[in-house]
Protein backbone atom coordinates (compact mmCIF):
# COMPACT_ATOMS: atom_id res chain seq x y z
CA UNK A 1 0.00 0.00 0.00
CA UNK A 2 1.42 3.31 -1.12
CA UNK A 3 0.52 6.70 0.26
CA UNK A 4 1.07 9.75 -1.78
CA UNK A 5 0.83 13.31 -0.62
CA UNK A 6 -0.04 15.95 -3.13
CA UNK A 7 2.38 18.77 -2.43
CA UNK A 8 1.63 22.05 -4.12
CA UNK A 9 4.21 24.72 -3.20
CA UNK A 10 1.86 27.64 -4.00
CA UNK A 11 -0.87 26.39 -1.66
CA UNK A 12 1.69 25.61 1.05
CA UNK A 13 3.14 29.15 0.86
CA UNK A 14 -0.35 30.65 0.95
CA UNK A 15 -1.21 28.66 4.09
CA UNK A 16 2.03 29.69 5.83
CA UNK A 17 1.45 33.36 4.94
CA UNK A 18 -2.16 33.15 6.16
CA UNK A 19 -1.08 31.60 9.50
CA UNK A 20 1.62 34.27 9.98
CA UNK A 21 -0.83 37.04 9.11
CA UNK A 22 -3.41 35.60 11.53
CA UNK A 23 -0.76 35.38 14.28
CA UNK A 24 0.35 38.99 13.74
CA UNK A 25 -3.25 40.17 13.72
CA UNK A 26 -4.05 38.33 16.97
CA UNK A 27 -0.89 39.69 18.62
CA UNK A 28 -1.69 43.27 17.62
CA UNK A 29 -5.30 42.84 18.74
CA UNK A 30 -4.25 41.54 22.17
CA UNK A 31 -1.61 44.23 22.51
CA UNK A 32 -4.07 47.03 21.70
CA UNK A 33 -6.48 45.73 24.37
CA UNK A 34 -3.80 46.12 26.97
CA UNK A 35 -3.53 42.42 27.76
CA UNK A 36 0.18 42.41 27.06
CA UNK A 37 2.28 44.75 29.15
CA UNK A 38 6.02 44.55 29.27
CA UNK A 39 7.24 44.01 32.82
CA UNK A 40 10.52 45.03 34.38
CA UNK A 41 11.49 42.28 36.85
CA UNK A 42 13.61 44.73 38.85
CA UNK A 43 10.54 46.85 39.72
CA UNK A 44 8.33 43.93 40.81
CA UNK A 45 8.88 42.42 44.25
CA UNK A 46 9.19 38.68 44.53
CA UNK A 47 8.05 38.25 48.14
CA UNK A 48 4.30 38.10 48.87
CA UNK A 49 4.46 40.70 51.65
CA UNK A 50 6.27 43.16 49.39
CA UNK A 51 3.75 42.56 46.58
CA UNK A 52 0.82 43.24 48.93
CA UNK A 53 2.43 46.41 50.25
CA UNK A 54 3.16 47.68 46.72
CA UNK A 55 -0.39 46.88 45.52
CA UNK A 56 -1.90 48.74 48.47
CA UNK A 57 0.35 51.75 47.88
CA UNK A 58 -0.57 51.84 44.19
CA UNK A 59 -4.28 51.35 44.92
CA UNK A 60 -4.51 48.14 42.95
CA UNK A 61 -6.61 45.12 43.77
CA UNK A 62 -10.14 43.95 43.40
CA UNK A 63 -12.78 46.35 44.56
CA UNK A 64 -16.39 47.19 43.96
CA UNK A 65 -15.31 50.02 41.64
CA UNK A 66 -13.38 47.62 39.38
CA UNK A 67 -16.21 45.12 39.16
CA UNK A 68 -18.96 47.63 38.35
CA UNK A 69 -16.85 49.42 35.81
CA UNK A 70 -15.53 52.51 37.48
CA UNK A 71 -18.85 54.01 38.49
CA UNK A 72 -18.74 55.86 41.76
CA UNK A 73 -20.45 54.22 44.72
CA UNK A 74 -21.47 55.39 48.15
CA UNK A 75 -20.72 52.11 49.90
CA UNK A 76 -19.71 52.46 53.53
CA UNK A 77 -18.76 49.88 56.09
CA UNK A 78 -21.46 49.31 58.67
CA UNK A 79 -19.11 50.41 61.45
CA UNK A 80 -18.78 53.85 59.86
CA UNK A 81 -22.51 54.37 59.31
CA UNK A 82 -23.90 56.08 62.43
CA UNK A 83 -27.53 55.39 61.48
CA UNK A 84 -26.85 51.65 61.25
CA UNK A 85 -24.89 51.57 64.51
CA UNK A 86 -27.55 53.57 66.33
CA UNK A 87 -30.28 51.20 65.12
CA UNK A 88 -28.40 48.17 66.41
CA UNK A 89 -27.79 49.85 69.76
CA UNK A 90 -31.43 50.88 70.19
CA UNK A 91 -32.73 47.43 69.21
CA UNK A 92 -30.24 45.48 71.33
CA UNK A 93 -32.97 44.58 73.86
CA UNK A 94 -34.77 42.40 71.30
CA UNK A 95 -33.41 39.31 69.51
CA UNK A 96 -32.53 40.00 65.88
CA UNK A 97 -33.70 37.66 63.15
CA UNK A 98 -32.31 39.19 59.93
CA UNK A 99 -29.54 41.73 59.53
CA UNK A 100 -28.51 42.74 56.02
CA UNK A 101 -26.33 45.82 55.74
CA UNK A 102 -26.07 45.63 51.94
CA UNK A 103 -29.86 45.47 51.65
CA UNK A 104 -30.38 47.99 54.44
CA UNK A 105 -32.71 45.81 56.49
CA UNK A 106 -32.97 44.83 60.15
CA UNK A 107 -35.77 42.48 61.21
CA UNK A 108 -36.21 41.40 64.80
CA UNK A 109 -37.61 38.16 66.12
CA UNK A 110 -40.97 38.05 67.89
CA UNK A 111 -40.56 39.60 71.32
CA UNK A 112 -42.85 39.47 74.32
CA UNK A 113 -42.40 40.57 77.88
CA UNK A 114 -42.48 38.02 80.69
CA UNK A 115 -45.73 39.32 82.17
CA UNK A 116 -47.63 39.20 78.85
CA UNK A 117 -46.80 36.09 76.83
CA UNK A 118 -49.98 36.28 74.73
CA UNK A 119 -48.84 39.42 72.93
CA UNK A 120 -45.57 39.90 71.07
CA UNK A 121 -44.09 42.40 68.63
CA UNK A 122 -41.77 42.18 65.67
CA UNK A 123 -39.95 45.19 64.23
CA UNK A 124 -38.90 45.63 60.61
CA UNK A 125 -36.51 48.49 59.96
CA UNK A 126 -35.55 49.53 56.42
CA UNK A 127 -32.90 52.14 55.63
CA UNK A 128 -33.90 54.42 52.77
CA UNK A 129 -30.75 56.60 52.89
CA UNK A 130 -27.59 56.86 54.97
CA UNK A 131 -28.38 60.44 55.94
CA UNK A 132 -29.41 61.13 59.51
CA UNK A 133 -32.98 62.29 58.94
CA UNK A 134 -36.33 61.12 60.20
CA UNK A 135 -37.44 60.11 56.69
CA UNK A 136 -34.37 57.93 56.12
CA UNK A 137 -35.93 55.05 58.08
CA UNK A 138 -39.07 53.04 57.48
CA UNK A 139 -40.11 51.23 60.63
CA UNK A 140 -42.97 48.74 60.68
CA UNK A 141 -44.06 47.21 63.98
CA UNK A 142 -46.09 43.99 63.88
CA UNK A 143 -48.13 42.76 66.80
CA UNK A 144 -49.11 39.13 67.34
CA UNK A 145 -51.89 38.25 69.74
CA UNK A 146 -52.62 34.74 70.85
CA UNK A 147 -55.63 33.40 72.68
CA UNK A 148 -55.30 30.79 75.44
CA UNK A 149 -56.25 28.15 72.83
CA UNK A 150 -53.14 29.21 70.87
CA UNK A 151 -55.09 30.82 68.04
CA UNK A 152 -52.83 33.63 66.92
CA UNK A 153 -53.15 36.52 64.52
CA UNK A 154 -50.81 39.34 63.64
CA UNK A 155 -51.36 42.87 62.41
CA UNK A 156 -49.40 46.01 61.61
CA UNK A 157 -49.32 48.17 64.68
CA UNK A 158 -49.63 51.90 63.96
CA UNK A 159 -48.85 53.39 67.32
CA UNK A 160 -46.47 55.62 69.19
CA UNK A 161 -43.76 52.91 69.04
CA UNK A 162 -42.84 53.81 65.43
CA UNK A 163 -42.32 57.46 66.33
CA UNK A 164 -40.42 56.65 69.54
CA UNK A 165 -38.08 54.22 67.77
CA UNK A 166 -37.42 56.66 64.93
CA UNK A 167 -36.65 59.55 67.26
CA UNK A 168 -34.44 57.38 69.51
CA UNK A 169 -32.44 56.06 66.53
CA UNK A 170 -32.03 59.53 64.97
CA UNK A 171 -30.93 60.99 68.32
CA UNK A 172 -28.40 58.21 68.92
CA UNK A 173 -27.12 58.44 65.31
CA UNK A 174 -26.59 62.19 65.73
CA UNK A 175 -24.57 61.56 68.89
CA UNK A 176 -22.45 58.91 67.16
CA UNK A 177 -21.92 61.18 64.17
CA UNK A 178 -20.71 64.01 66.43
CA UNK A 179 -18.31 61.62 68.16
CA UNK A 180 -16.93 60.47 64.79
CA UNK A 181 -16.39 64.05 63.63
CA UNK A 182 -14.50 64.88 66.83
CA UNK A 183 -12.09 62.01 66.17
Foldseek 3Di string as FASTA:
>chain_A
DDDDDDDDPVVVVVVVVVVVVVVVVVVVVCVVVVVDDDDDPVPADDDPVVNVVVCVVVVDDDDPCVVVPNDDDDDDDLVPQLLSVLLCVVPVVFAWDDDDVVQQKTKTDWDDDPVCPQKTKIKIKGAQDSDLDLVRIDIWMKMWGADPVGDIDIDTDDDCVSVVSSVSSSVRSVVVVVVVVVD
